[in-house]
Amino acid sequence: MTYRLHYDLAATAVHDAMPPEASEQPTLVLADVCDDPFGHSIPYGEDDQIIRMVITDHVLAVIMIGDTLKRITVLQISYLG
């Protein structure tokens, strides 16, 4: 089942401020995460199957996987340059 994507307000601001070529990568990867959260993310610290990371050439995003509501929440996004 496909998950819905939800951004924290601070993560939205960072993503919106990135250059277009940098913001495209996480947009595409996060779309893949919505279809297969565990196949397109890696554990963040201890693998609790809830908090995970998505890493691209320009971005590191911390996500939370909510199985009950089928929702992926972007908690933090960092532009790496």
N, C-alpha and C. Protein backbone atom coordinates (compact mmCIF):
# COMPACT_ATOMS: atom_id res chain seq x y z
N MET A 1 0.84 -1.19 0.00
CA MET A 1 0.00 0.00 0.00
C MET A 1 0.88 1.25 0.00
N THR A 2 0.51 2.23 -0.77
CA THR A 2 1.27 3.46 -0.87
C THR A 2 1.04 4.34 0.35
N TYR A 3 2.12 4.95 0.81
CA TYR A 3 2.07 5.87 1.95
C TYR A 3 1.87 7.29 1.43
N ARG A 4 1.31 8.15 2.27
CA ARG A 4 1.18 9.57 1.94
C ARG A 4 2.38 10.31 2.50
N LEU A 5 2.82 11.35 1.83
CA LEU A 5 3.98 12.13 2.26
C LEU A 5 3.52 13.39 2.98
N HIS A 6 4.15 13.65 4.13
CA HIS A 6 3.85 14.84 4.92
C HIS A 6 5.17 15.49 5.32
N TYR A 7 5.27 16.80 5.12
CA TYR A 7 6.47 17.55 5.49
C TYR A 7 6.24 18.34 6.77
N ASP A 8 7.21 18.34 7.67
CA ASP A 8 7.25 19.27 8.79
C ASP A 8 7.44 20.66 8.18
N LEU A 9 6.94 21.71 8.83
CA LEU A 9 7.04 23.06 8.28
C LEU A 9 8.48 23.51 8.05
N ALA A 10 9.36 23.19 8.99
CA ALA A 10 10.77 23.57 8.83
C ALA A 10 11.40 22.82 7.66
N ALA A 11 11.07 21.55 7.49
CA ALA A 11 11.60 20.77 6.37
C ALA A 11 11.09 21.33 5.04
N THR A 12 9.86 21.77 5.02
CA THR A 12 9.30 22.38 3.81
C THR A 12 10.08 23.63 3.43
N ALA A 13 10.39 24.46 4.42
CA ALA A 13 11.12 25.70 4.15
C ALA A 13 12.50 25.41 3.59
N VAL A 14 13.20 24.43 4.13
CA VAL A 14 14.53 24.07 3.63
C VAL A 14 14.43 23.55 2.20
N HIS A 15 13.48 22.65 1.96
CA HIS A 15 13.33 22.07 0.62
C HIS A 15 12.99 23.16 -0.39
N ASP A 16 12.12 24.07 -0.03
CA ASP A 16 11.74 25.16 -0.94
C ASP A 16 12.90 26.10 -1.25
N ALA A 17 13.85 26.23 -0.32
CA ALA A 17 14.97 27.15 -0.49
C ALA A 17 16.12 26.55 -1.30
N MET A 18 16.09 25.25 -1.55
CA MET A 18 17.18 24.61 -2.29
C MET A 18 17.13 24.97 -3.77
N PRO A 19 18.30 24.97 -4.43
CA PRO A 19 18.31 25.17 -5.88
C PRO A 19 17.51 24.06 -6.56
N PRO A 20 16.92 24.34 -7.73
CA PRO A 20 16.07 23.35 -8.40
C PRO A 20 16.75 22.00 -8.64
N GLU A 21 18.01 22.01 -9.05
CA GLU A 21 18.68 20.72 -9.32
C GLU A 21 18.87 19.90 -8.04
N ALA A 22 19.02 20.56 -6.91
CA ALA A 22 19.18 19.85 -5.64
C ALA A 22 17.84 19.38 -5.09
N SER A 23 16.79 20.15 -5.29
CA SER A 23 15.48 19.78 -4.72
C SER A 23 14.79 18.68 -5.52
N GLU A 24 15.19 18.50 -6.77
CA GLU A 24 14.56 17.46 -7.58
C GLU A 24 14.88 16.06 -7.07
N GLN A 25 16.13 15.83 -6.66
CA GLN A 25 16.54 14.49 -6.19
C GLN A 25 15.70 14.00 -5.01
N PRO A 26 15.58 14.77 -3.91
CA PRO A 26 14.78 14.25 -2.81
C PRO A 26 13.30 14.10 -3.17
N THR A 27 12.81 14.95 -4.06
CA THR A 27 11.42 14.83 -4.49
C THR A 27 11.19 13.46 -5.13
N LEU A 28 12.09 13.07 -6.01
CA LEU A 28 11.95 11.78 -6.69
C LEU A 28 12.16 10.61 -5.74
N VAL A 29 13.16 10.72 -4.87
CA VAL A 29 13.44 9.63 -3.93
C VAL A 29 12.30 9.48 -2.92
N LEU A 30 11.77 10.60 -2.44
CA LEU A 30 10.66 10.52 -1.48
C LEU A 30 9.41 9.94 -2.11
N ALA A 31 9.22 10.14 -3.39
CA ALA A 31 8.11 9.48 -4.09
C ALA A 31 8.31 7.96 -4.08
N ASP A 32 9.55 7.51 -4.28
CA ASP A 32 9.86 6.08 -4.20
C ASP A 32 9.67 5.56 -2.78
N VAL A 33 10.03 6.37 -1.79
CA VAL A 33 9.87 5.98 -0.38
C VAL A 33 8.39 5.74 -0.07
N CYS A 34 7.52 6.52 -0.65
CA CYS A 34 6.09 6.34 -0.41
C CYS A 34 5.59 4.98 -0.92
N ASP A 35 6.23 4.46 -1.96
CA ASP A 35 5.86 3.14 -2.48
C ASP A 35 6.52 2.00 -1.72
N ASP A 36 7.75 2.21 -1.25
CA ASP A 36 8.51 1.17 -0.55
C ASP A 36 9.42 1.83 0.48
N PRO A 37 8.88 2.17 1.67
CA PRO A 37 9.65 2.94 2.65
C PRO A 37 10.95 2.26 3.09
N PHE A 38 10.94 0.96 3.25
CA PHE A 38 12.12 0.28 3.77
C PHE A 38 13.13 -0.04 2.67
N GLY A 39 12.68 -0.11 1.45
CA GLY A 39 13.58 -0.38 0.34
C GLY A 39 14.33 0.86 -0.15
N HIS A 40 13.80 2.04 0.18
CA HIS A 40 14.39 3.28 -0.31
C HIS A 40 14.88 4.19 0.82
N SER A 41 15.09 3.61 1.99
CA SER A 41 15.63 4.38 3.12
C SER A 41 16.56 3.47 3.92
N ILE A 42 17.33 4.10 4.79
CA ILE A 42 18.25 3.32 5.63
C ILE A 42 17.97 3.65 7.09
N PRO A 43 18.35 2.74 8.00
CA PRO A 43 18.10 3.02 9.42
C PRO A 43 18.80 4.29 9.90
N TYR A 44 18.19 4.95 10.83
CA TYR A 44 18.75 6.13 11.49
C TYR A 44 19.10 5.70 12.90
N GLY A 45 20.38 5.40 13.12
CA GLY A 45 20.79 4.87 14.43
C GLY A 45 20.30 3.44 14.57
N GLU A 46 19.68 3.14 15.69
CA GLU A 46 19.13 1.80 15.93
C GLU A 46 17.95 1.60 14.98
N ASP A 47 17.90 0.44 14.34
CA ASP A 47 16.85 0.19 13.36
C ASP A 47 15.54 -0.16 14.06
N ASP A 48 14.75 0.88 14.34
CA ASP A 48 13.47 0.67 15.02
C ASP A 48 12.30 0.57 14.04
N GLN A 49 12.58 0.60 12.75
CA GLN A 49 11.58 0.51 11.68
C GLN A 49 10.61 1.70 11.67
N ILE A 50 10.97 2.79 12.38
CA ILE A 50 10.12 3.97 12.42
C ILE A 50 10.87 5.20 11.90
N ILE A 51 12.03 5.49 12.47
CA ILE A 51 12.83 6.64 12.06
C ILE A 51 13.93 6.15 11.13
N ARG A 52 13.99 6.73 9.93
CA ARG A 52 14.96 6.30 8.92
C ARG A 52 15.51 7.51 8.19
N MET A 53 16.50 7.28 7.33
CA MET A 53 17.14 8.35 6.56
C MET A 53 17.03 8.08 5.07
N VAL A 54 17.00 9.17 4.33
CA VAL A 54 17.07 9.14 2.88
C VAL A 54 18.22 10.05 2.51
N ILE A 55 19.17 9.54 1.73
CA ILE A 55 20.35 10.32 1.38
C ILE A 55 20.47 10.37 -0.15
N THR A 56 20.67 11.60 -0.66
CA THR A 56 20.96 11.80 -2.08
C THR A 56 22.30 12.52 -2.18
N ASP A 57 22.69 12.89 -3.37
CA ASP A 57 23.95 13.61 -3.56
C ASP A 57 23.96 14.95 -2.82
N HIS A 58 22.80 15.59 -2.70
CA HIS A 58 22.73 16.93 -2.14
C HIS A 58 21.94 17.04 -0.84
N VAL A 59 21.24 15.97 -0.45
CA VAL A 59 20.29 16.08 0.67
C VAL A 59 20.34 14.87 1.58
N LEU A 60 20.19 15.14 2.86
CA LEU A 60 19.97 14.11 3.86
C LEU A 60 18.63 14.42 4.51
N ALA A 61 17.72 13.48 4.49
CA ALA A 61 16.40 13.68 5.08
C ALA A 61 16.16 12.62 6.14
N VAL A 62 15.61 13.03 7.26
CA VAL A 62 15.20 12.11 8.32
C VAL A 62 13.69 11.98 8.22
N ILE A 63 13.22 10.75 8.11
CA ILE A 63 11.79 10.50 7.95
C ILE A 63 11.26 9.62 9.07
N MET A 64 9.96 9.71 9.29
CA MET A 64 9.28 8.84 10.24
C MET A 64 8.22 8.07 9.46
N ILE A 65 8.23 6.75 9.61
CA ILE A 65 7.27 5.90 8.91
C ILE A 65 6.14 5.58 9.88
N GLY A 66 4.94 5.99 9.51
CA GLY A 66 3.76 5.72 10.33
C GLY A 66 2.90 4.66 9.67
N ASP A 67 3.00 3.43 10.15
CA ASP A 67 2.25 2.33 9.53
C ASP A 67 0.75 2.44 9.75
N THR A 68 0.34 2.92 10.91
CA THR A 68 -1.09 2.98 11.21
C THR A 68 -1.83 3.87 10.23
N LEU A 69 -1.30 5.08 10.00
CA LEU A 69 -1.95 6.02 9.08
C LEU A 69 -1.38 5.95 7.66
N LYS A 70 -0.38 5.07 7.46
CA LYS A 70 0.29 4.94 6.15
C LYS A 70 0.81 6.30 5.70
N ARG A 71 1.63 6.90 6.56
CA ARG A 71 2.13 8.25 6.30
C ARG A 71 3.63 8.31 6.54
N ILE A 72 4.34 8.94 5.61
CA ILE A 72 5.77 9.23 5.73
C ILE A 72 5.89 10.71 6.09
N THR A 73 6.49 11.00 7.23
CA THR A 73 6.68 12.39 7.65
C THR A 73 8.15 12.75 7.54
N VAL A 74 8.44 13.81 6.80
CA VAL A 74 9.80 14.32 6.69
C VAL A 74 10.02 15.21 7.91
N LEU A 75 10.85 14.71 8.85
CA LEU A 75 11.10 15.44 10.09
C LEU A 75 12.17 16.51 9.93
N GLN A 76 13.18 16.18 9.14
CA GLN A 76 14.29 17.11 8.94
C GLN A 76 14.88 16.88 7.56
N ILE A 77 15.27 17.96 6.93
CA ILE A 77 15.96 17.84 5.65
C ILE A 77 17.14 18.80 5.68
N SER A 78 18.29 18.30 5.28
CA SER A 78 19.51 19.11 5.29
C SER A 78 20.11 19.15 3.90
N TYR A 79 20.37 20.36 3.44
CA TYR A 79 21.00 20.55 2.13
C TYR A 79 22.51 20.43 2.33
N LEU A 80 23.14 19.49 1.62
CA LEU A 80 24.56 19.21 1.78
C LEU A 80 25.42 20.00 0.79
N GLY A 81 24.80 20.66 -0.14
CA GLY A 81 25.55 21.48 -1.09
C GLY A 81 25.89 20.78 -2.37
